[in-house]
Amino acid sequence: MTLQQFLLILRARYRVALLAFAATVLTTLIVSLLLPKQYTASAAMVVDVKSPDAVSGMLLQSMLAPGYMSTQIDIINSDRVAKSVVKLLRMDESAVIKAQWQEATEGKGQMIDWLANLLQKKLDVKPSRESNVISINYTGADPDFTAAVANAFAQSYMDVNLELRLAPARQYATFFDAQTKAAREKLEVAQKALSAYQQKNGITSIDERLDFETAKLNETSSQLTGIEGQTTDSQSKRQNAKADTVAEVMQSSLINGLKMDIARVEAKLTESNINLGKNHPQTQRTESELATLKTQLEAETRKITSSIETTYQVGKQREKQLKSALSTQKSRVLKINKQRDELNVLRRDIESAQRAFEMVSQRASQTNIESQTNQTNIMVLNPASAPTEPSKPRVLLNVLVSIFMGTVLGIGLALMRELSQRYVRSAQDLTDALELPVLGSIGSAVAPRKPWVKPWLNRLPRRVRA
C-alpha cells in the first residue's frame, strides 16, 4: 500500500476513524474521572555503606558488594518487614479490619499475613541511581494513612535491619560466653595442677634451688678431684721401697738435723777410734750416742711413713665419701631438672590456657557489645508526609495516552473496514486488482471542492483527487 492509497482510504473512512478516536478519548476521560483518587506517600532512606562499624571500627566489606543495595530492597519488600508494619500500626487489633478479614478469607489463615500481603501490593521501593538513597512509596486512598504506612515501613526496615545484624552477634555472644567459661575452667585446672605439684614436691623457687644444687655438685666434684690426686700421690709414696727417698722424709728438718748429727758423731767416732782406740770410754760413749741418733732417725722416718699411710687411708675414705656424695648430688640435680621440666610443662599449659582465655574473653566482650548496640547504618532522609495531590488517576496522562491509542485504533478500524469492503479509489487500485496496465484515465471537468477537504489534498493530481 502506497501513501496515496493510505490517504485515500482515510479520506473515505474518516467517519469510522473519528468515531473510534472520540469513543476512546471520551471513555478514558470518563473512567479517569470516575476512578477513586489514590495518594502516594514517599519516605527517603539513606544507607551508609562507607562509614566503619561503630563497635569494631572496621569497614564491613559486605556493604561494598554490588548486590548490597538490592538486598536492602528485598528486605523492605519482605514479609517480615510487612508484618512488623502491621504490628507497629496495630492493624491486627482493629475490630473493623478483623471483620474485613473474616469476610474476605472466612477466617482462613492468619490475619497478620493477610494484612501484610495487602500492604505489599501497594508498596513500591525504588533505589536512586548512583546513590545510596532508597525511596519507599506507598499508595492508598487516605493521604494520612499512606504517610503513616510509608513511615512505618521505614521504621520497620530499620528495626528489621538492626535485628538481622544483632541476631548473629547475640548468637556469637552466647557462644563466646560458653567458651569463656570453658577457657576459665581450663586455666583454673592448669593453675591448680601447678600449685599441687609445687606443694607435693616442696618447691618454692625451682631456679634458685637448681643453681644452689648445681653449685654444690660442682664443688663436690672439685673436692673429689683434689682428694683423688692426694690419694694417688699417697699411694705412690707408700709403694716406694725406700722410705728415706720420700719427699716428706727428705724435707723433714728434724730428720735432716738427725742426719747431720749422725754424720758429726760418725766423724767423731772415726777420729776417736784412730786416736783413742775402740775400747776407750770416750769411743764407747760416741758409739752409744751414734746408736741413739740412728734409733731416733729410724723412729722419725717410721712416723713419716706411717703418716703417709694414714693420709692414704684417710684419702681413700674421703674419696669414697665424696663419690657417694657426688652420686647423691647428681641424682638430686637430675631430679630437680626433671621437676623443672615438669614445672615448665605445667607453666606452658597455664600460659596457653591464659592466652586462650584472654582471646576468647576479648571476643566475647566485643560480641556482647555488638549484641547490645542500637545503632544502624540506615537513616531516614525525608519522612513521608500526607500528600495533598492525588497520584492516581492521572487524567492528563491518560487523555494523552488515549489520544494516541484512539488514533491508532481509528486508523486500524478504517483499514479493516476498507479491507472488508474493497473499493477502487485510484488507478493503482485497478492495476493491482486486474494486473493490467492502465492506458489512460478520464477525470471530471470540474473537481468538486468540499469544505472538509484539506488544502493539501487539493494540491494532489486531479486523477488522484477523483
Protein backbone atom coordinates (compact mmCIF):
# COMPACT_ATOMS: atom_id res chain seq x y z
CA MET A 1 0.00 0.00 0.00
CA THR A 2 1.34 3.35 -1.04
CA LEU A 3 0.96 6.60 0.81
CA GLN A 4 -1.52 7.80 -1.80
CA GLN A 5 -3.73 4.77 -1.28
CA PHE A 6 -3.48 5.12 2.51
CA LEU A 7 -4.58 8.78 2.39
CA LEU A 8 -7.47 7.96 0.07
CA ILE A 9 -8.65 5.26 2.44
CA LEU A 10 -8.52 7.63 5.40
CA ARG A 11 -10.45 10.21 3.36
CA ALA A 12 -13.15 7.75 2.57
CA ARG A 13 -13.36 6.16 6.05
CA TYR A 14 -12.79 9.22 8.19
CA ARG A 15 -16.12 8.83 9.98
CA VAL A 16 -15.15 5.41 11.38
CA ALA A 17 -11.73 6.68 12.46
CA LEU A 18 -13.19 9.79 14.11
CA LEU A 19 -15.82 7.72 15.89
CA ALA A 20 -13.22 5.29 17.30
CA PHE A 21 -10.96 8.16 18.29
CA ALA A 22 -13.74 10.06 20.06
CA ALA A 23 -15.02 6.94 21.79
CA THR A 24 -11.56 6.04 23.09
CA VAL A 25 -10.75 9.51 24.38
CA LEU A 26 -14.20 10.04 25.90
CA THR A 27 -14.24 6.64 27.58
CA THR A 28 -10.76 7.22 29.01
CA LEU A 29 -11.70 10.63 30.30
CA ILE A 30 -14.91 9.38 31.93
CA VAL A 31 -13.19 6.38 33.52
CA SER A 32 -10.33 8.58 34.78
CA LEU A 33 -12.79 10.99 36.36
CA LEU A 34 -14.83 8.21 37.93
CA LEU A 35 -11.89 6.23 39.36
CA PRO A 36 -11.27 6.81 43.08
CA LYS A 37 -8.35 9.05 43.85
CA GLN A 38 -5.15 7.41 45.03
CA TYR A 39 -2.46 9.18 47.05
CA THR A 40 1.21 8.19 47.18
CA ALA A 41 3.39 8.99 50.18
CA SER A 42 7.16 8.64 49.89
CA ALA A 43 9.84 8.23 52.56
CA ALA A 44 13.53 8.51 51.63
CA MET A 45 16.12 6.32 53.37
CA VAL A 46 19.91 6.69 53.30
CA VAL A 47 22.10 3.58 53.56
CA ASP A 48 25.60 4.48 54.74
CA VAL A 49 28.00 1.90 53.30
CA LYS A 50 31.29 3.78 53.76
CA SER A 51 31.37 4.53 57.47
CA PRO A 52 33.24 1.98 59.65
CA ASP A 53 31.46 -0.14 62.20
CA ALA A 54 30.88 1.78 65.42
CA VAL A 55 31.95 -1.14 67.66
CA SER A 56 34.78 -2.85 65.80
CA GLY A 57 35.96 0.25 63.92
CA MET A 58 36.33 -1.80 60.74
CA LEU A 59 34.77 -1.21 57.33
CA LEU A 60 32.46 -4.13 56.54
CA GLN A 61 33.29 -5.49 53.09
CA SER A 62 29.78 -6.88 52.64
CA MET A 63 28.42 -3.32 52.44
CA LEU A 64 30.61 -2.63 49.42
CA ALA A 65 29.32 -5.65 47.48
CA PRO A 66 27.40 -4.87 44.27
CA GLY A 67 24.29 -6.67 45.48
CA TYR A 68 24.09 -4.91 48.84
CA MET A 69 21.50 -2.32 47.77
CA SER A 70 19.43 -5.00 46.02
CA THR A 71 19.48 -6.98 49.25
CA GLN A 72 18.22 -3.94 51.17
CA ILE A 73 15.33 -3.54 48.71
CA ASP A 74 14.43 -7.21 49.10
CA ILE A 75 14.44 -6.74 52.87
CA ILE A 76 12.00 -3.84 52.61
CA ASN A 77 9.72 -5.93 50.37
CA SER A 78 9.95 -8.95 52.68
CA ASP A 79 7.08 -10.40 54.70
CA ARG A 80 8.98 -9.78 57.92
CA VAL A 81 9.03 -6.02 57.40
CA ALA A 82 5.37 -6.01 56.31
CA LYS A 83 4.33 -7.94 59.42
CA SER A 84 6.34 -5.54 61.54
CA VAL A 85 4.42 -2.65 59.93
CA VAL A 86 1.11 -4.35 60.81
CA LYS A 87 2.19 -4.68 64.43
CA LEU A 88 3.62 -1.16 64.53
CA LEU A 89 0.34 0.35 63.27
CA ARG A 90 -1.69 -2.08 65.42
CA MET A 91 -3.78 -3.02 62.43
CA ASP A 92 -4.28 -6.52 63.78
CA GLU A 93 -6.02 -5.05 66.84
CA SER A 94 -8.71 -3.20 64.85
CA ALA A 95 -12.17 -4.76 65.02
CA VAL A 96 -13.14 -3.30 61.63
CA ILE A 97 -10.11 -4.80 59.92
CA LYS A 98 -10.75 -8.09 61.67
CA ALA A 99 -14.30 -8.12 60.29
CA GLN A 100 -12.98 -7.40 56.80
CA TRP A 101 -10.50 -10.26 57.14
CA GLN A 102 -13.28 -12.62 58.25
CA GLU A 103 -15.38 -11.59 55.28
CA ALA A 104 -12.54 -11.87 52.76
CA THR A 105 -10.95 -15.12 53.93
CA GLU A 106 -13.72 -16.73 56.02
CA GLY A 107 -11.26 -16.96 58.88
CA LYS A 108 -8.66 -19.00 56.99
CA GLY A 109 -5.00 -18.39 57.65
CA GLN A 110 -3.51 -15.65 59.79
CA MET A 111 -4.85 -12.10 59.72
CA ILE A 112 -1.36 -10.63 60.00
CA ASP A 113 -0.29 -12.50 56.85
CA TRP A 114 -3.37 -11.25 55.02
CA LEU A 115 -2.72 -7.65 56.04
CA ALA A 116 0.97 -7.91 55.18
CA ASN A 117 0.08 -9.19 51.72
CA LEU A 118 -2.32 -6.27 51.17
CA LEU A 119 0.33 -3.75 52.22
CA GLN A 120 2.94 -5.30 49.95
CA LYS A 121 0.67 -4.99 46.90
CA LYS A 122 0.60 -1.20 47.19
CA LEU A 123 4.26 -0.81 48.16
CA ASP A 124 6.83 0.40 45.65
CA VAL A 125 10.52 0.53 46.61
CA LYS A 126 12.89 2.28 44.24
CA PRO A 127 16.64 2.83 44.65
CA SER A 128 18.15 6.05 43.39
CA ARG A 129 20.64 5.86 40.57
CA GLU A 130 24.30 6.15 41.57
CA SER A 131 23.44 6.91 45.19
CA ASN A 132 22.60 5.11 48.42
CA VAL A 133 19.12 6.59 48.78
CA ILE A 134 16.09 4.31 48.74
CA SER A 135 12.57 5.64 48.22
CA ILE A 136 9.71 3.83 49.95
CA ASN A 137 6.44 4.67 48.20
CA TYR A 138 3.01 3.58 49.38
CA THR A 139 -0.23 4.26 47.54
CA GLY A 140 -3.68 4.40 49.12
CA ALA A 141 -6.99 6.20 49.22
CA ASP A 142 -6.32 8.05 52.50
CA PRO A 143 -3.41 10.55 52.41
CA ASP A 144 -2.76 10.33 56.16
CA PHE A 145 -2.85 6.55 56.13
CA THR A 146 -0.42 6.33 53.21
CA ALA A 147 2.03 8.62 55.00
CA ALA A 148 1.70 6.58 58.19
CA VAL A 149 2.30 3.31 56.30
CA ALA A 150 5.32 4.71 54.43
CA ASN A 151 6.88 5.92 57.68
CA ALA A 152 6.03 2.59 59.34
CA PHE A 153 7.80 0.73 56.54
CA ALA A 154 10.85 2.98 57.01
CA GLN A 155 10.89 2.39 60.77
CA SER A 156 10.25 -1.36 60.41
CA TYR A 157 13.01 -1.60 57.83
CA MET A 158 15.49 -0.02 60.26
CA ASP A 159 14.28 -2.29 63.08
CA VAL A 160 14.48 -5.46 60.99
CA ASN A 161 17.87 -4.46 59.61
CA LEU A 162 19.12 -3.94 63.15
CA GLU A 163 17.65 -7.28 64.24
CA LEU A 164 19.30 -9.06 61.31
CA ARG A 165 22.58 -7.51 62.36
CA LEU A 166 22.17 -8.22 66.06
CA ALA A 167 20.88 -11.79 65.75
CA PRO A 168 24.28 -13.27 64.73
CA ALA A 169 26.03 -11.07 67.31
CA ARG A 170 23.74 -12.41 70.04
CA GLN A 171 24.36 -15.97 68.95
CA TYR A 172 28.10 -15.32 68.90
CA ALA A 173 27.85 -13.65 72.32
CA THR A 174 26.15 -16.74 73.77
CA PHE A 175 28.70 -19.00 72.12
CA PHE A 176 31.70 -16.98 73.32
CA ASP A 177 30.27 -16.75 76.84
CA ALA A 178 30.24 -20.53 77.00
CA GLN A 179 33.73 -20.68 75.52
CA THR A 180 34.94 -18.10 78.05
CA LYS A 181 33.64 -20.21 80.93
CA ALA A 182 35.31 -23.30 79.49
CA ALA A 183 38.60 -21.43 78.97
CA ARG A 184 38.44 -20.06 82.54
CA GLU A 185 37.85 -23.55 83.95
CA LYS A 186 40.76 -24.89 81.92
CA LEU A 187 43.01 -22.11 83.21
CA GLU A 188 41.96 -22.79 86.80
CA VAL A 189 42.65 -26.52 86.36
CA ALA A 190 46.13 -25.77 84.99
CA GLN A 191 46.89 -23.39 87.87
CA LYS A 192 45.67 -25.92 90.44
CA ALA A 193 47.83 -28.62 88.85
CA LEU A 194 50.92 -26.40 89.11
CA SER A 195 50.17 -25.45 92.71
CA ALA A 196 49.53 -29.07 93.72
CA TYR A 197 52.79 -30.18 92.12
CA GLN A 198 54.78 -27.48 93.92
CA GLN A 199 53.19 -28.37 97.25
CA LYS A 200 53.77 -32.07 96.72
CA ASN A 201 57.46 -31.60 95.98
CA GLY A 202 58.03 -28.68 98.33
CA ILE A 203 59.14 -26.37 95.54
CA THR A 204 59.25 -22.65 96.14
CA SER A 205 61.80 -21.42 93.64
CA ILE A 206 62.97 -24.10 91.27
CA ASP A 207 65.59 -21.95 89.54
CA GLU A 208 67.36 -20.81 92.74
CA ARG A 209 67.27 -24.34 94.11
CA LEU A 210 68.71 -25.74 90.89
CA ASP A 211 71.51 -23.14 90.90
CA PHE A 212 72.39 -23.97 94.51
CA GLU A 213 72.40 -27.73 93.94
CA THR A 214 74.41 -27.35 90.73
CA ALA A 215 77.00 -25.24 92.54
CA LYS A 216 77.13 -27.83 95.30
CA LEU A 217 77.61 -30.56 92.72
CA ASN A 218 80.46 -28.66 91.11
CA GLU A 219 82.08 -28.07 94.50
CA THR A 220 81.81 -31.78 95.45
CA SER A 221 83.25 -32.74 92.08
CA SER A 222 86.18 -30.38 92.65
CA GLN A 223 86.81 -31.77 96.12
CA LEU A 224 86.70 -35.32 94.79
CA THR A 225 89.20 -34.43 92.11
CA GLY A 226 91.57 -32.97 94.73
CA ILE A 227 91.19 -35.95 97.06
CA GLU A 228 91.80 -38.37 94.22
CA GLY A 229 95.03 -36.53 93.40
CA GLN A 230 96.15 -36.66 97.01
CA THR A 231 95.27 -40.34 97.31
CA THR A 232 97.17 -41.17 94.16
CA ASP A 233 100.21 -39.29 95.49
CA SER A 234 99.99 -41.05 98.87
CA GLN A 235 99.65 -44.39 97.14
CA SER A 236 102.77 -43.80 95.06
CA LYS A 237 104.68 -42.75 98.18
CA ARG A 238 103.59 -45.75 100.24
CA GLN A 239 104.50 -48.10 97.42
CA ASN A 240 108.03 -46.65 97.29
CA ALA A 241 110.53 -49.25 98.73
CA LYS A 242 112.97 -46.73 100.22
CA ALA A 243 111.47 -44.63 102.94
CA ASP A 244 114.38 -42.21 103.02
CA THR A 245 113.64 -41.15 99.44
CA VAL A 246 110.14 -39.99 100.26
CA ALA A 247 109.77 -36.27 99.83
CA GLU A 248 108.30 -35.78 103.33
CA VAL A 249 111.28 -37.61 104.81
CA MET A 250 113.78 -35.72 102.75
CA GLN A 251 112.10 -32.41 103.52
CA SER A 252 111.77 -33.01 107.27
CA SER A 253 114.02 -30.61 109.20
CA LEU A 254 114.14 -32.96 112.19
CA ILE A 255 115.37 -35.89 110.10
CA ASN A 256 117.86 -33.68 108.31
CA GLY A 257 119.12 -32.48 111.74
CA LEU A 258 119.43 -36.05 112.94
CA LYS A 259 121.31 -36.97 109.81
CA MET A 260 123.72 -34.09 110.36
CA ASP A 261 124.19 -35.15 114.00
CA ILE A 262 124.79 -38.73 112.91
CA ALA A 263 127.37 -37.58 110.37
CA ARG A 264 129.09 -35.44 113.00
CA VAL A 265 129.06 -38.26 115.57
CA GLU A 266 130.34 -40.75 112.98
CA ALA A 267 133.20 -38.40 112.17
CA LYS A 268 133.93 -38.01 115.86
CA LEU A 269 133.76 -41.80 116.31
CA THR A 270 136.18 -42.35 113.48
CA GLU A 271 138.61 -39.85 114.98
CA SER A 272 138.23 -41.42 118.43
CA ASN A 273 138.90 -44.87 117.03
CA ILE A 274 142.05 -43.66 115.46
CA ASN A 275 143.32 -41.60 118.37
CA LEU A 276 141.97 -43.43 121.40
CA GLY A 277 141.05 -46.88 120.23
CA LYS A 278 137.81 -48.86 120.26
CA ASN A 279 137.94 -49.70 123.93
CA HIS A 280 138.42 -46.19 125.15
CA PRO A 281 135.44 -44.94 127.18
CA GLN A 282 135.05 -41.85 125.04
CA THR A 283 134.94 -44.00 121.94
CA GLN A 284 132.26 -46.18 123.51
CA ARG A 285 130.24 -43.09 124.57
CA THR A 286 130.44 -41.85 120.97
CA GLU A 287 129.23 -45.23 119.66
CA SER A 288 126.36 -45.17 122.15
CA GLU A 289 125.45 -41.61 121.10
CA LEU A 290 125.58 -42.67 117.41
CA ALA A 291 123.30 -45.63 118.06
CA THR A 292 120.86 -43.37 119.86
CA LEU A 293 120.80 -40.91 116.96
CA LYS A 294 120.21 -43.69 114.43
CA THR A 295 117.40 -45.07 116.56
CA GLN A 296 115.79 -41.59 116.61
CA LEU A 297 116.25 -41.27 112.84
CA GLU A 298 114.55 -44.59 112.24
CA ALA A 299 111.74 -43.66 114.59
CA GLU A 300 111.16 -40.33 112.87
CA THR A 301 111.28 -41.99 109.47
CA ARG A 302 108.70 -44.58 110.58
CA LYS A 303 106.48 -41.77 111.85
CA ILE A 304 106.56 -40.03 108.48
CA THR A 305 105.92 -43.25 106.55
CA SER A 306 103.12 -44.07 108.99
CA SER A 307 101.62 -40.63 108.43
CA ILE A 308 101.75 -41.23 104.65
CA GLU A 309 99.84 -44.49 105.14
CA THR A 310 97.37 -42.75 107.37
CA THR A 311 96.95 -39.97 104.84
CA TYR A 312 96.38 -42.58 102.12
CA GLN A 313 93.74 -44.42 104.13
CA VAL A 314 92.03 -41.19 105.10
CA GLY A 315 92.17 -40.06 101.46
CA LYS A 316 90.63 -43.32 100.29
CA GLN A 317 87.88 -42.99 102.86
CA ARG A 318 87.30 -39.37 101.93
CA GLU A 319 87.34 -40.28 98.27
CA LYS A 320 84.69 -42.90 98.89
CA GLN A 321 82.54 -40.44 100.80
CA LEU A 322 82.89 -37.79 98.13
CA LYS A 323 81.99 -40.27 95.39
CA SER A 324 78.87 -41.22 97.31
CA ALA A 325 78.05 -37.56 97.93
CA LEU A 326 78.68 -36.77 94.26
CA SER A 327 76.38 -39.58 93.13
CA THR A 328 73.69 -38.38 95.53
CA GLN A 329 74.12 -34.80 94.37
CA LYS A 330 73.88 -35.85 90.74
CA SER A 331 70.63 -37.69 91.46
CA ARG A 332 69.34 -34.62 93.27
CA VAL A 333 70.25 -32.33 90.38
CA LEU A 334 68.69 -34.73 87.87
CA LYS A 335 65.56 -34.88 90.00
CA ILE A 336 65.41 -31.10 90.17
CA ASN A 337 65.90 -30.91 86.40
CA LYS A 338 63.03 -33.33 85.93
CA GLN A 339 60.88 -31.29 88.29
CA ARG A 340 61.82 -28.15 86.41
CA ASP A 341 60.82 -29.76 83.09
CA GLU A 342 57.50 -30.83 84.57
CA LEU A 343 57.02 -27.35 86.01
CA ASN A 344 57.78 -25.84 82.61
CA VAL A 345 55.17 -28.10 81.03
CA LEU A 346 52.63 -27.02 83.64
CA ARG A 347 53.59 -23.37 83.16
CA ARG A 348 53.22 -23.68 79.40
CA ASP A 349 49.81 -25.20 79.94
CA ILE A 350 48.92 -22.20 82.09
CA GLU A 351 50.28 -19.75 79.52
CA SER A 352 48.39 -21.47 76.71
CA ALA A 353 45.20 -21.50 78.76
CA GLN A 354 45.78 -17.85 79.70
CA ARG A 355 46.19 -16.81 76.06
CA ALA A 356 43.11 -18.75 75.02
CA PHE A 357 41.12 -17.23 77.89
CA GLU A 358 42.22 -13.69 77.04
CA MET A 359 41.45 -14.13 73.33
CA VAL A 360 38.03 -15.68 73.94
CA SER A 361 37.26 -13.17 76.68
CA GLN A 362 38.11 -10.26 74.40
CA ARG A 363 35.99 -11.68 71.58
CA ALA A 364 33.14 -12.34 73.99
CA SER A 365 33.32 -8.77 75.25
CA GLN A 366 33.23 -7.40 71.71
CA THR A 367 30.32 -9.59 70.61
CA ASN A 368 28.47 -8.72 73.81
CA ILE A 369 28.82 -5.03 72.99
CA GLU A 370 27.76 -5.66 69.39
CA SER A 371 24.69 -7.58 70.57
CA GLN A 372 23.59 -4.65 72.73
CA THR A 373 24.14 -1.82 70.25
CA ASN A 374 21.14 0.03 68.88
CA GLN A 375 22.97 1.86 66.10
CA THR A 376 22.43 1.12 62.43
CA ASN A 377 23.84 2.43 59.18
CA ILE A 378 20.36 3.33 57.90
CA MET A 379 18.77 6.73 58.48
CA VAL A 380 15.58 8.46 57.41
CA LEU A 381 16.47 11.20 54.96
CA ASN A 382 12.94 12.53 54.36
CA PRO A 383 9.98 11.19 56.34
CA ALA A 384 6.73 10.73 54.46
CA SER A 385 4.11 13.42 54.76
CA ALA A 386 0.43 13.32 53.80
CA PRO A 387 0.22 14.13 50.06
CA THR A 388 -2.06 16.99 49.02
CA GLU A 389 -2.44 15.96 45.38
CA PRO A 390 -3.59 12.54 44.21
CA SER A 391 -1.09 10.43 42.31
CA LYS A 392 -3.77 8.38 40.56
CA PRO A 393 -5.64 8.62 38.28
CA ARG A 394 -3.50 10.86 36.09
CA VAL A 395 -6.19 12.42 33.93
CA LEU A 396 -3.92 14.39 31.62
CA LEU A 397 -1.55 11.48 31.07
CA ASN A 398 -4.45 9.11 30.48
CA VAL A 399 -6.02 11.51 27.97
CA LEU A 400 -2.72 11.87 26.11
CA VAL A 401 -2.34 8.12 26.00
CA SER A 402 -5.99 7.74 24.87
CA ILE A 403 -5.39 10.22 22.04
CA PHE A 404 -2.53 8.09 20.78
CA MET A 405 -4.42 4.86 21.26
CA GLY A 406 -7.63 6.34 19.72
CA THR A 407 -5.66 7.46 16.68
CA VAL A 408 -4.13 4.04 16.25
CA LEU A 409 -7.50 2.35 16.85
CA GLY A 410 -9.30 4.65 14.42
CA ILE A 411 -6.75 4.06 11.66
CA GLY A 412 -6.85 0.36 12.34
CA LEU A 413 -10.67 0.22 12.12
CA ALA A 414 -10.63 2.28 8.91
CA LEU A 415 -8.15 -0.10 7.31
CA MET A 416 -10.10 -3.16 8.47
CA ARG A 417 -13.34 -1.67 7.06
CA GLU A 418 -11.61 -0.97 3.77
CA LEU A 419 -10.22 -4.48 3.58
CA SER A 420 -13.65 -5.98 4.25
CA GLN A 421 -15.30 -3.74 1.57
CA ARG A 422 -12.70 -3.01 -1.03
CA TYR A 423 -13.27 -0.09 -3.46
CA VAL A 424 -11.31 1.26 -6.41
CA ARG A 425 -10.07 4.63 -5.37
CA SER A 426 -7.17 5.20 -7.76
CA ALA A 427 -5.56 3.94 -10.96
CA GLN A 428 -3.10 2.00 -8.83
CA ASP A 429 -6.00 0.02 -7.34
CA LEU A 430 -7.05 -1.08 -10.87
CA THR A 431 -3.56 -2.05 -11.75
CA ASP A 432 -3.29 -4.11 -8.54
CA ALA A 433 -6.70 -5.71 -8.94
CA LEU A 434 -6.66 -6.53 -12.70
CA GLU A 435 -2.93 -6.89 -13.12
CA LEU A 436 -3.26 -4.96 -16.40
CA PRO A 437 -1.58 -1.73 -17.43
CA VAL A 438 -3.63 1.47 -17.35
CA LEU A 439 -3.71 3.17 -20.77
CA GLY A 440 -5.33 6.37 -19.59
CA SER A 441 -7.74 7.97 -17.19
CA ILE A 442 -10.60 10.49 -17.59
CA GLY A 443 -11.09 12.96 -14.80
CA SER A 444 -14.05 15.20 -14.08
CA ALA A 445 -14.15 18.59 -15.77
CA VAL A 446 -14.57 20.46 -12.51
CA ALA A 447 -13.25 18.89 -9.38
CA PRO A 448 -15.83 19.21 -6.60
CA ARG A 449 -14.50 21.10 -3.62
CA LYS A 450 -15.87 20.08 -0.34
CA PRO A 451 -15.43 22.28 2.66
CA TRP A 452 -13.98 19.48 4.80
CA VAL A 453 -11.24 18.62 2.30
CA LYS A 454 -7.90 19.89 3.45
CA PRO A 455 -5.96 22.24 1.17
CA TRP A 456 -3.10 19.83 0.84
CA LEU A 457 -5.48 17.29 -0.74
CA ASN A 458 -6.46 19.83 -3.42
CA ARG A 459 -2.86 20.09 -4.46
CA LEU A 460 -2.83 16.44 -5.45
CA PRO A 461 -3.22 15.48 -9.12
CA ARG A 462 -6.76 15.57 -10.47
CA ARG A 463 -6.93 11.86 -11.08
CA VAL A 464 -5.84 11.21 -7.54
CA ARG A 465 -8.47 13.58 -6.16
CA ALA A 466 -11.10 11.82 -8.33
